Amino acid sequence: MKDSGGARPAPRFLHDLGQAMRRAAGHDEEERHALSTLTCPSCGARTRERMPEDRCVIAYPCPRCGHLMRPLVGDSCVFCSYGTVKCPSQQSRKSR
């Protein structure tokens, strides 16, 4: 069989080992808190997004219906209002 020279995917056990090592080091926890699922108040569409760590997102257009989500009164960003996880600035305030 001729080798195509392209990169081959890592065997499944290496993928599982990498995940276990990240969990043990606490990196899975960090990754989980960097992602949030936004739910559109107009159509209910759910979109998983990575939250920026250096700024608040004050406007986010729904990819399904186009509704422009904006923070609710008292919230700093759309992730705080419509996300499953609060934004990084709110997470750091909570942990203090």
PDB file of N, CA and C in Angstrom:
ATOM      1  N   MET A   1       0.842  -1.183   0.000  1.00  0.00           N
ATOM      2  CA  MET A   1       0.000   0.000   0.000  1.00  0.00           C
ATOM      3  C   MET A   1       0.882   1.240   0.000  1.00  0.00           C
ATOM      4  N   LYS A   2       0.567   2.170  -0.840  1.00  0.00           N
ATOM      5  CA  LYS A   2       1.370   3.369  -0.991  1.00  0.00           C
ATOM      6  C   LYS A   2       0.952   4.416   0.049  1.00  0.00           C
ATOM      7  N   ASP A   3       1.943   5.040   0.692  1.00  0.00           N
ATOM      8  CA  ASP A   3       1.681   6.084   1.692  1.00  0.00           C
ATOM      9  C   ASP A   3       1.413   7.391   0.969  1.00  0.00           C
ATOM     10  N   SER A   4       0.291   8.039   1.300  1.00  0.00           N
ATOM     11  CA  SER A   4      -0.082   9.287   0.632  1.00  0.00           C
ATOM     12  C   SER A   4       0.718  10.469   1.161  1.00  0.00           C
ATOM     13  N   GLY A   5       1.447  10.274   2.244  1.00  0.00           N
ATOM     14  CA  GLY A   5       2.272  11.348   2.780  1.00  0.00           C
ATOM     15  C   GLY A   5       1.506  12.305   3.681  1.00  0.00           C
ATOM     16  N   GLY A   6       0.193  12.177   3.741  1.00  0.00           N
ATOM     17  CA  GLY A   6      -0.615  13.064   4.573  1.00  0.00           C
ATOM     18  C   GLY A   6      -0.574  12.644   6.035  1.00  0.00           C
ATOM     19  N   ALA A   7      -0.967  13.540   6.896  1.00  0.00           N
ATOM     20  CA  ALA A   7      -1.002  13.234   8.327  1.00  0.00           C
ATOM     21  C   ALA A   7      -2.139  12.261   8.606  1.00  0.00           C
ATOM     22  N   ARG A   8      -1.864  11.315   9.444  1.00  0.00           N
ATOM     23  CA  ARG A   8      -2.885  10.353   9.843  1.00  0.00           C
ATOM     24  C   ARG A   8      -3.460  10.764  11.183  1.00  0.00           C
ATOM     25  N   PRO A   9      -4.740  10.505  11.402  1.00  0.00           N
ATOM     26  CA  PRO A   9      -5.319  10.846  12.704  1.00  0.00           C
ATOM     27  C   PRO A   9      -4.685   9.994  13.806  1.00  0.00           C
ATOM     28  N   ALA A  10      -4.574  10.573  14.981  1.00  0.00           N
ATOM     29  CA  ALA A  10      -4.008   9.839  16.115  1.00  0.00           C
ATOM     30  C   ALA A  10      -4.951   8.706  16.509  1.00  0.00           C
ATOM     31  N   PRO A  11      -4.403   7.608  16.980  1.00  0.00           N
ATOM     32  CA  PRO A  11      -5.260   6.515  17.444  1.00  0.00           C
ATOM     33  C   PRO A  11      -6.175   6.985  18.574  1.00  0.00           C
ATOM     34  N   ARG A  12      -7.338   6.380  18.682  1.00  0.00           N
ATOM     35  CA  ARG A  12      -8.358   6.771  19.666  1.00  0.00           C
ATOM     36  C   ARG A  12      -7.797   6.781  21.086  1.00  0.00           C
ATOM     37  N   PHE A  13      -6.973   5.808  21.449  1.00  0.00           N
ATOM     38  CA  PHE A  13      -6.458   5.755  22.813  1.00  0.00           C
ATOM     39  C   PHE A  13      -5.623   6.984  23.140  1.00  0.00           C
ATOM     40  N   LEU A  14      -4.915   7.551  22.155  1.00  0.00           N
ATOM     41  CA  LEU A  14      -4.139   8.774  22.404  1.00  0.00           C
ATOM     42  C   LEU A  14      -5.059   9.963  22.652  1.00  0.00           C
ATOM     43  N   HIS A  15      -6.168  10.020  21.918  1.00  0.00           N
ATOM     44  CA  HIS A  15      -7.151  11.086  22.125  1.00  0.00           C
ATOM     45  C   HIS A  15      -7.722  10.995  23.541  1.00  0.00           C
ATOM     46  N   ASP A  16      -8.119   9.777  23.956  1.00  0.00           N
ATOM     47  CA  ASP A  16      -8.666   9.571  25.294  1.00  0.00           C
ATOM     48  C   ASP A  16      -7.643   9.898  26.373  1.00  0.00           C
ATOM     49  N   LEU A  17      -6.388   9.517  26.141  1.00  0.00           N
ATOM     50  CA  LEU A  17      -5.321   9.801  27.095  1.00  0.00           C
ATOM     51  C   LEU A  17      -5.126  11.315  27.229  1.00  0.00           C
ATOM     52  N   GLY A  18      -5.150  12.024  26.103  1.00  0.00           N
ATOM     53  CA  GLY A  18      -5.008  13.479  26.131  1.00  0.00           C
ATOM     54  C   GLY A  18      -6.124  14.136  26.916  1.00  0.00           C
ATOM     55  N   GLN A  19      -7.347  13.664  26.724  1.00  0.00           N
ATOM     56  CA  GLN A  19      -8.478  14.221  27.475  1.00  0.00           C
ATOM     57  C   GLN A  19      -8.321  13.960  28.962  1.00  0.00           C
ATOM     58  N   ALA A  20      -7.907  12.767  29.324  1.00  0.00           N
ATOM     59  CA  ALA A  20      -7.721  12.432  30.741  1.00  0.00           C
ATOM     60  C   ALA A  20      -6.639  13.308  31.366  1.00  0.00           C
ATOM     61  N   MET A  21      -5.571  13.555  30.626  1.00  0.00           N
ATOM     62  CA  MET A  21      -4.493  14.394  31.153  1.00  0.00           C
ATOM     63  C   MET A  21      -4.958  15.844  31.320  1.00  0.00           C
ATOM     64  N   ARG A  22      -5.755  16.350  30.369  1.00  0.00           N
ATOM     65  CA  ARG A  22      -6.279  17.720  30.491  1.00  0.00           C
ATOM     66  C   ARG A  22      -7.210  17.831  31.694  1.00  0.00           C
ATOM     67  N   ARG A  23      -8.060  16.816  31.888  1.00  0.00           N
ATOM     68  CA  ARG A  23      -8.965  16.820  33.051  1.00  0.00           C
ATOM     69  C   ARG A  23      -8.169  16.823  34.348  1.00  0.00           C
ATOM     70  N   ALA A  24      -7.149  15.983  34.421  1.00  0.00           N
ATOM     71  CA  ALA A  24      -6.330  15.891  35.627  1.00  0.00           C
ATOM     72  C   ALA A  24      -5.613  17.209  35.910  1.00  0.00           C
ATOM     73  N   ALA A  25      -5.245  17.929  34.863  1.00  0.00           N
ATOM     74  CA  ALA A  25      -4.536  19.202  35.030  1.00  0.00           C
ATOM     75  C   ALA A  25      -5.487  20.373  35.222  1.00  0.00           C
ATOM     76  N   GLY A  26      -6.798  20.121  35.121  1.00  0.00           N
ATOM     77  CA  GLY A  26      -7.765  21.191  35.315  1.00  0.00           C
ATOM     78  C   GLY A  26      -8.089  21.973  34.056  1.00  0.00           C
ATOM     79  N   HIS A  27      -7.532  21.587  32.905  1.00  0.00           N
ATOM     80  CA  HIS A  27      -7.773  22.334  31.675  1.00  0.00           C
ATOM     81  C   HIS A  27      -9.184  22.130  31.139  1.00  0.00           C
ATOM     82  N   ASP A  28      -9.809  20.995  31.409  1.00  0.00           N
ATOM     83  CA  ASP A  28     -11.182  20.769  30.965  1.00  0.00           C
ATOM     84  C   ASP A  28     -12.107  21.786  31.621  1.00  0.00           C
ATOM     85  N   GLU A  29     -11.864  22.067  32.895  1.00  0.00           N
ATOM     86  CA  GLU A  29     -12.664  23.047  33.626  1.00  0.00           C
ATOM     87  C   GLU A  29     -12.544  24.416  32.966  1.00  0.00           C
ATOM     88  N   GLU A  30     -11.314  24.804  32.602  1.00  0.00           N
ATOM     89  CA  GLU A  30     -11.102  26.088  31.944  1.00  0.00           C
ATOM     90  C   GLU A  30     -11.829  26.122  30.608  1.00  0.00           C
ATOM     91  N   GLU A  31     -11.733  25.061  29.830  1.00  0.00           N
ATOM     92  CA  GLU A  31     -12.375  25.007  28.520  1.00  0.00           C
ATOM     93  C   GLU A  31     -13.883  25.102  28.655  1.00  0.00           C
ATOM     94  N   ARG A  32     -14.449  24.424  29.641  1.00  0.00           N
ATOM     95  CA  ARG A  32     -15.888  24.432  29.827  1.00  0.00           C
ATOM     96  C   ARG A  32     -16.386  25.834  30.125  1.00  0.00           C
ATOM     97  N   HIS A  33     -15.641  26.601  30.912  1.00  0.00           N
ATOM     98  CA  HIS A  33     -16.068  27.944  31.266  1.00  0.00           C
ATOM     99  C   HIS A  33     -15.761  28.977  30.197  1.00  0.00           C
ATOM    100  N   ALA A  34     -15.053  28.601  29.154  1.00  0.00           N
ATOM    101  CA  ALA A  34     -14.778  29.512  28.051  1.00  0.00           C
ATOM    102  C   ALA A  34     -15.846  29.393  26.965  1.00  0.00           C
ATOM    103  N   LEU A  35     -16.696  28.368  27.056  1.00  0.00           N
ATOM    104  CA  LEU A  35     -17.752  28.148  26.080  1.00  0.00           C
ATOM    105  C   LEU A  35     -19.111  28.347  26.726  1.00  0.00           C
ATOM    106  N   SER A  36     -20.034  28.875  25.956  1.00  0.00           N
ATOM    107  CA  SER A  36     -21.394  29.074  26.448  1.00  0.00           C
ATOM    108  C   SER A  36     -22.349  28.843  25.289  1.00  0.00           C
ATOM    109  N   THR A  37     -23.544  28.377  25.588  1.00  0.00           N
ATOM    110  CA  THR A  37     -24.563  28.195  24.565  1.00  0.00           C
ATOM    111  C   THR A  37     -25.573  29.319  24.689  1.00  0.00           C
ATOM    112  N   LEU A  38     -25.654  30.132  23.644  1.00  0.00           N
ATOM    113  CA  LEU A  38     -26.607  31.238  23.604  1.00  0.00           C
ATOM    114  C   LEU A  38     -27.938  30.729  23.060  1.00  0.00           C
ATOM    115  N   THR A  39     -29.041  31.145  23.682  1.00  0.00           N
ATOM    116  CA  THR A  39     -30.377  30.782  23.218  1.00  0.00           C
ATOM    117  C   THR A  39     -31.099  32.043  22.785  1.00  0.00           C
ATOM    118  N   CYS A  40     -31.514  32.080  21.539  1.00  0.00           N
ATOM    119  CA  CYS A  40     -32.206  33.245  20.995  1.00  0.00           C
ATOM    120  C   CYS A  40     -33.579  33.371  21.642  1.00  0.00           C
ATOM    121  N   PRO A  41     -33.913  34.560  22.174  1.00  0.00           N
ATOM    122  CA  PRO A  41     -35.223  34.742  22.793  1.00  0.00           C
ATOM    123  C   PRO A  41     -36.359  34.785  21.762  1.00  0.00           C
ATOM    124  N   SER A  42     -36.045  35.001  20.494  1.00  0.00           N
ATOM    125  CA  SER A  42     -37.086  35.084  19.460  1.00  0.00           C
ATOM    126  C   SER A  42     -37.466  33.724  18.887  1.00  0.00           C
ATOM    127  N   CYS A  43     -36.455  32.941  18.493  1.00  0.00           N
ATOM    128  CA  CYS A  43     -36.764  31.673  17.815  1.00  0.00           C
ATOM    129  C   CYS A  43     -36.327  30.435  18.584  1.00  0.00           C
ATOM    130  N   GLY A  44     -35.561  30.625  19.664  1.00  0.00           N
ATOM    131  CA  GLY A  44     -35.124  29.487  20.465  1.00  0.00           C
ATOM    132  C   GLY A  44     -33.892  28.761  19.942  1.00  0.00           C
ATOM    133  N   ALA A  45     -33.289  29.272  18.877  1.00  0.00           N
ATOM    134  CA  ALA A  45     -32.084  28.633  18.327  1.00  0.00           C
ATOM    135  C   ALA A  45     -30.973  28.656  19.373  1.00  0.00           C
ATOM    136  N   ARG A  46     -30.240  27.562  19.448  1.00  0.00           N
ATOM    137  CA  ARG A  46     -29.130  27.453  20.400  1.00  0.00           C
ATOM    138  C   ARG A  46     -27.827  27.401  19.617  1.00  0.00           C
ATOM    139  N   THR A  47     -26.873  28.271  20.020  1.00  0.00           N
ATOM    140  CA  THR A  47     -25.586  28.355  19.348  1.00  0.00           C
ATOM    141  C   THR A  47     -24.479  28.323  20.382  1.00  0.00           C
ATOM    142  N   ARG A  48     -23.554  27.393  20.236  1.00  0.00           N
ATOM    143  CA  ARG A  48     -22.415  27.302  21.161  1.00  0.00           C
ATOM    144  C   ARG A  48     -21.316  28.232  20.667  1.00  0.00           C
ATOM    145  N   GLU A  49     -20.859  29.111  21.549  1.00  0.00           N
ATOM    146  CA  GLU A  49     -19.858  30.112  21.184  1.00  0.00           C
ATOM    147  C   GLU A  49     -18.745  30.163  22.223  1.00  0.00           C
ATOM    148  N   ARG A  50     -17.568  30.518  21.758  1.00  0.00           N
ATOM    149  CA  ARG A  50     -16.433  30.763  22.649  1.00  0.00           C
ATOM    150  C   ARG A  50     -16.525  32.217  23.102  1.00  0.00           C
ATOM    151  N   MET A  51     -16.428  32.440  24.407  1.00  0.00           N
ATOM    152  CA  MET A  51     -16.528  33.791  24.945  1.00  0.00           C
ATOM    153  C   MET A  51     -15.172  34.472  24.936  1.00  0.00           C
ATOM    154  N   PRO A  52     -15.125  35.720  24.491  1.00  0.00           N
ATOM    155  CA  PRO A  52     -13.852  36.450  24.552  1.00  0.00           C
ATOM    156  C   PRO A  52     -13.516  36.754  26.011  1.00  0.00           C
ATOM    157  N   GLU A  53     -12.254  36.643  26.358  1.00  0.00           N
ATOM    158  CA  GLU A  53     -11.836  36.881  27.744  1.00  0.00           C
ATOM    159  C   GLU A  53     -11.517  38.336  28.016  1.00  0.00           C
ATOM    160  N   ASP A  54     -11.341  39.131  26.952  1.00  0.00           N
ATOM    161  CA  ASP A  54     -10.876  40.500  27.130  1.00  0.00           C
ATOM    162  C   ASP A  54     -11.933  41.568  26.884  1.00  0.00           C
ATOM    163  N   ARG A  55     -13.164  41.152  26.603  1.00  0.00           N
ATOM    164  CA  ARG A  55     -14.206  42.148  26.347  1.00  0.00           C
ATOM    165  C   ARG A  55     -15.588  41.525  26.504  1.00  0.00           C
ATOM    166  N   CYS A  56     -16.587  42.381  26.660  1.00  0.00           N
ATOM    167  CA  CYS A  56     -17.978  41.939  26.719  1.00  0.00           C
ATOM    168  C   CYS A  56     -18.586  42.009  25.326  1.00  0.00           C
ATOM    169  N   VAL A  57     -19.475  41.094  25.032  1.00  0.00           N
ATOM    170  CA  VAL A  57     -20.179  41.084  23.751  1.00  0.00           C
ATOM    171  C   VAL A  57     -21.538  41.735  23.994  1.00  0.00           C
ATOM    172  N   ILE A  58     -21.745  42.922  23.405  1.00  0.00           N
ATOM    173  CA  ILE A  58     -22.988  43.653  23.676  1.00  0.00           C
ATOM    174  C   ILE A  58     -24.032  43.484  22.574  1.00  0.00           C
ATOM    175  N   ALA A  59     -23.684  42.823  21.487  1.00  0.00           N
ATOM    176  CA  ALA A  59     -24.650  42.548  20.425  1.00  0.00           C
ATOM    177  C   ALA A  59     -24.259  41.251  19.734  1.00  0.00           C
ATOM    178  N   TYR A  60     -25.262  40.387  19.514  1.00  0.00           N
ATOM    179  CA  TYR A  60     -25.007  39.107  18.845  1.00  0.00           C
ATOM    180  C   TYR A  60     -26.215  38.781  17.975  1.00  0.00           C
ATOM    181  N   PRO A  61     -26.021  38.682  16.656  1.00  0.00           N
ATOM    182  CA  PRO A  61     -27.146  38.337  15.775  1.00  0.00           C
ATOM    183  C   PRO A  61     -27.395  36.827  15.762  1.00  0.00           C
ATOM    184  N   CYS A  62     -28.651  36.446  15.924  1.00  0.00           N
ATOM    185  CA  CYS A  62     -29.007  35.027  15.876  1.00  0.00           C
ATOM    186  C   CYS A  62     -28.729  34.505  14.469  1.00  0.00           C
ATOM    187  N   PRO A  63     -27.999  33.387  14.353  1.00  0.00           N
ATOM    188  CA  PRO A  63     -27.695  32.848  13.030  1.00  0.00           C
ATOM    189  C   PRO A  63     -28.926  32.301  12.307  1.00  0.00           C
ATOM    190  N   ARG A  64     -29.997  31.996  13.045  1.00  0.00           N
ATOM    191  CA  ARG A  64     -31.189  31.436  12.403  1.00  0.00           C
ATOM    192  C   ARG A  64     -32.164  32.528  11.954  1.00  0.00           C
ATOM    193  N   CYS A  65     -32.568  33.417  12.881  1.00  0.00           N
ATOM    194  CA  CYS A  65     -33.613  34.388  12.536  1.00  0.00           C
ATOM    195  C   CYS A  65     -33.106  35.821  12.375  1.00  0.00           C
ATOM    196  N   GLY A  66     -31.848  36.083  12.769  1.00  0.00           N
ATOM    197  CA  GLY A  66     -31.289  37.415  12.614  1.00  0.00           C
ATOM    198  C   GLY A  66     -31.578  38.371  13.760  1.00  0.00           C
ATOM    199  N   HIS A  67     -32.352  37.928  14.749  1.00  0.00           N
ATOM    200  CA  HIS A  67     -32.656  38.788  15.900  1.00  0.00           C
ATOM    201  C   HIS A  67     -31.351  39.240  16.557  1.00  0.00           C
ATOM    202  N   LEU A  68     -31.229  40.543  16.820  1.00  0.00           N
ATOM    203  CA  LEU A  68     -30.017  41.067  17.440  1.00  0.00           C
ATOM    204  C   LEU A  68     -30.182  41.024  18.957  1.00  0.00           C
ATOM    205  N   MET A  69     -29.483  40.083  19.584  1.00  0.00           N
ATOM    206  CA  MET A  69     -29.542  39.954  21.045  1.00  0.00           C
ATOM    207  C   MET A  69     -28.681  41.040  21.669  1.00  0.00           C
ATOM    208  N   ARG A  70     -29.213  41.667  22.690  1.00  0.00           N
ATOM    209  CA  ARG A  70     -28.494  42.678  23.468  1.00  0.00           C
ATOM    210  C   ARG A  70     -28.657  42.320  24.939  1.00  0.00           C
ATOM    211  N   PRO A  71     -27.721  42.738  25.798  1.00  0.00           N
ATOM    212  CA  PRO A  71     -27.819  42.395  27.218  1.00  0.00           C
ATOM    213  C   PRO A  71     -29.109  42.923  27.834  1.00  0.00           C
ATOM    214  N   LEU A  72     -29.677  42.144  28.740  1.00  0.00           N
ATOM    215  CA  LEU A  72     -30.832  42.596  29.508  1.00  0.00           C
ATOM    216  C   LEU A  72     -30.370  43.618  30.536  1.00  0.00           C
ATOM    217  N   VAL A  73     -31.282  44.408  31.045  1.00  0.00           N
ATOM    218  CA  VAL A  73     -30.945  45.419  32.044  1.00  0.00           C
ATOM    219  C   VAL A  73     -30.265  44.748  33.235  1.00  0.00           C
ATOM    220  N   GLY A  74     -29.114  45.278  33.627  1.00  0.00           N
ATOM    221  CA  GLY A  74     -28.364  44.739  34.755  1.00  0.00           C
ATOM    222  C   GLY A  74     -27.290  43.724  34.369  1.00  0.00           C
ATOM    223  N   ASP A  75     -27.309  43.246  33.137  1.00  0.00           N
ATOM    224  CA  ASP A  75     -26.297  42.299  32.662  1.00  0.00           C
ATOM    225  C   ASP A  75     -25.238  43.040  31.861  1.00  0.00           C
ATOM    226  N   SER A  76     -24.021  42.504  31.884  1.00  0.00           N
ATOM    227  CA  SER A  76     -22.924  43.174  31.191  1.00  0.00           C
ATOM    228  C   SER A  76     -22.791  42.767  29.730  1.00  0.00           C
ATOM    229  N   CYS A  77     -23.299  41.589  29.362  1.00  0.00           N
ATOM    230  CA  CYS A  77     -23.162  41.148  27.970  1.00  0.00           C
ATOM    231  C   CYS A  77     -24.226  40.114  27.622  1.00  0.00           C
ATOM    232  N   VAL A  78     -24.265  39.717  26.346  1.00  0.00           N
ATOM    233  CA  VAL A  78     -25.274  38.759  25.893  1.00  0.00           C
ATOM    234  C   VAL A  78     -25.073  37.376  26.523  1.00  0.00           C
ATOM    235  N   PHE A  79     -23.845  37.025  26.881  1.00  0.00           N
ATOM    236  CA  PHE A  79     -23.614  35.721  27.511  1.00  0.00           C
ATOM    237  C   PHE A  79     -24.244  35.682  28.903  1.00  0.00           C
ATOM    238  N   CYS A  80     -24.218  36.806  29.606  1.00  0.00           N
ATOM    239  CA  CYS A  80     -24.842  36.870  30.931  1.00  0.00           C
ATOM    240  C   CYS A  80     -26.365  36.779  30.816  1.00  0.00           C
ATOM    241  N   SER A  81     -26.922  37.328  29.750  1.00  0.00           N
ATOM    242  CA  SER A  81     -28.373  37.341  29.564  1.00  0.00           C
ATOM    243  C   SER A  81     -28.926  36.068  28.927  1.00  0.00           C
ATOM    244  N   TYR A  82     -28.262  35.548  27.915  1.00  0.00           N
ATOM    245  CA  TYR A  82     -28.819  34.454  27.121  1.00  0.00           C
ATOM    246  C   TYR A  82     -27.964  33.192  27.095  1.00  0.00           C
ATOM    247  N   GLY A  83     -26.836  33.198  27.794  1.00  0.00           N
ATOM    248  CA  GLY A  83     -25.924  32.063  27.751  1.00  0.00           C
ATOM    249  C   GLY A  83     -26.093  31.094  28.905  1.00  0.00           C
ATOM    250  N   THR A  84     -25.547  29.913  28.735  1.00  0.00           N
ATOM    251  CA  THR A  84     -25.572  28.900  29.783  1.00  0.00           C
ATOM    252  C   THR A  84     -24.483  29.155  30.818  1.00  0.00           C
ATOM    253  N   VAL A  85     -23.489  29.969  30.460  1.00  0.00           N
ATOM    254  CA  VAL A  85     -22.384  30.313  31.356  1.00  0.00           C
ATOM    255  C   VAL A  85     -22.196  31.821  31.303  1.00  0.00           C
ATOM    256  N   LYS A  86     -22.028  32.441  32.462  1.00  0.00           N
ATOM    257  CA  LYS A  86     -21.771  33.883  32.518  1.00  0.00           C
ATOM    258  C   LYS A  86     -20.430  34.195  31.867  1.00  0.00           C
ATOM    259  N   CYS A  87     -20.253  35.438  31.442  1.00  0.00           N
ATOM    260  CA  CYS A  87     -19.021  35.848  30.768  1.00  0.00           C
ATOM    261  C   CYS A  87     -17.827  35.776  31.728  1.00  0.00           C
ATOM    262  N   PRO A  88     -16.610  35.705  31.191  1.00  0.00           N
ATOM    263  CA  PRO A  88     -15.411  35.584  32.030  1.00  0.00           C
ATOM    264  C   PRO A  88     -15.274  36.695  33.076  1.00  0.00           C
ATOM    265  N   SER A  89     -15.678  37.928  32.761  1.00  0.00           N
ATOM    266  CA  SER A  89     -15.553  38.997  33.756  1.00  0.00           C
ATOM    267  C   SER A  89     -16.485  38.740  34.940  1.00  0.00           C
ATOM    268  N   GLN A  90     -17.670  38.210  34.703  1.00  0.00           N
ATOM    269  CA  GLN A  90     -18.587  37.878  35.794  1.00  0.00           C
ATOM    270  C   GLN A  90     -18.116  36.643  36.561  1.00  0.00           C
ATOM    271  N   GLN A  91     -17.513  35.679  35.855  1.00  0.00           N
ATOM    272  CA  GLN A  91     -16.979  34.489  36.520  1.00  0.00           C
ATOM    273  C   GLN A  91     -15.868  34.882  37.497  1.00  0.00           C
ATOM    274  N   SER A  92     -15.007  35.817  37.079  1.00  0.00           N
ATOM    275  CA  SER A  92     -13.894  36.211  37.952  1.00  0.00           C
ATOM    276  C   SER A  92     -14.395  37.022  39.145  1.00  0.00           C
ATOM    277  N   ARG A  93     -15.444  37.815  38.976  1.00  0.00           N
ATOM    278  CA  ARG A  93     -16.017  38.555  40.104  1.00  0.00           C
ATOM    279  C   ARG A  93     -16.638  37.603  41.114  1.00  0.00           C
ATOM    280  N   LYS A  94     -17.300  36.559  40.615  1.00  0.00           N
ATOM    281  CA  LYS A  94     -17.972  35.579  41.475  1.00  0.00           C
ATOM    282  C   LYS A  94     -16.973  34.793  42.307  1.00  0.00           C
ATOM    283  N   SER A  95     -15.792  34.502  41.735  1.00  0.00           N
ATOM    284  CA  SER A  95     -14.795  33.680  42.417  1.00  0.00           C
ATOM    285  C   SER A  95     -13.981  34.468  43.443  1.00  0.00           C
ATOM    286  N   ARG A  96     -14.141  35.764  43.494  1.00  0.00           N
ATOM    287  CA  ARG A  96     -13.371  36.566  44.445  1.00  0.00           C
ATOM    288  C   ARG A  96     -14.005  36.559  45.797  1.00  0.00           C
TER     289      ARG A  96
END
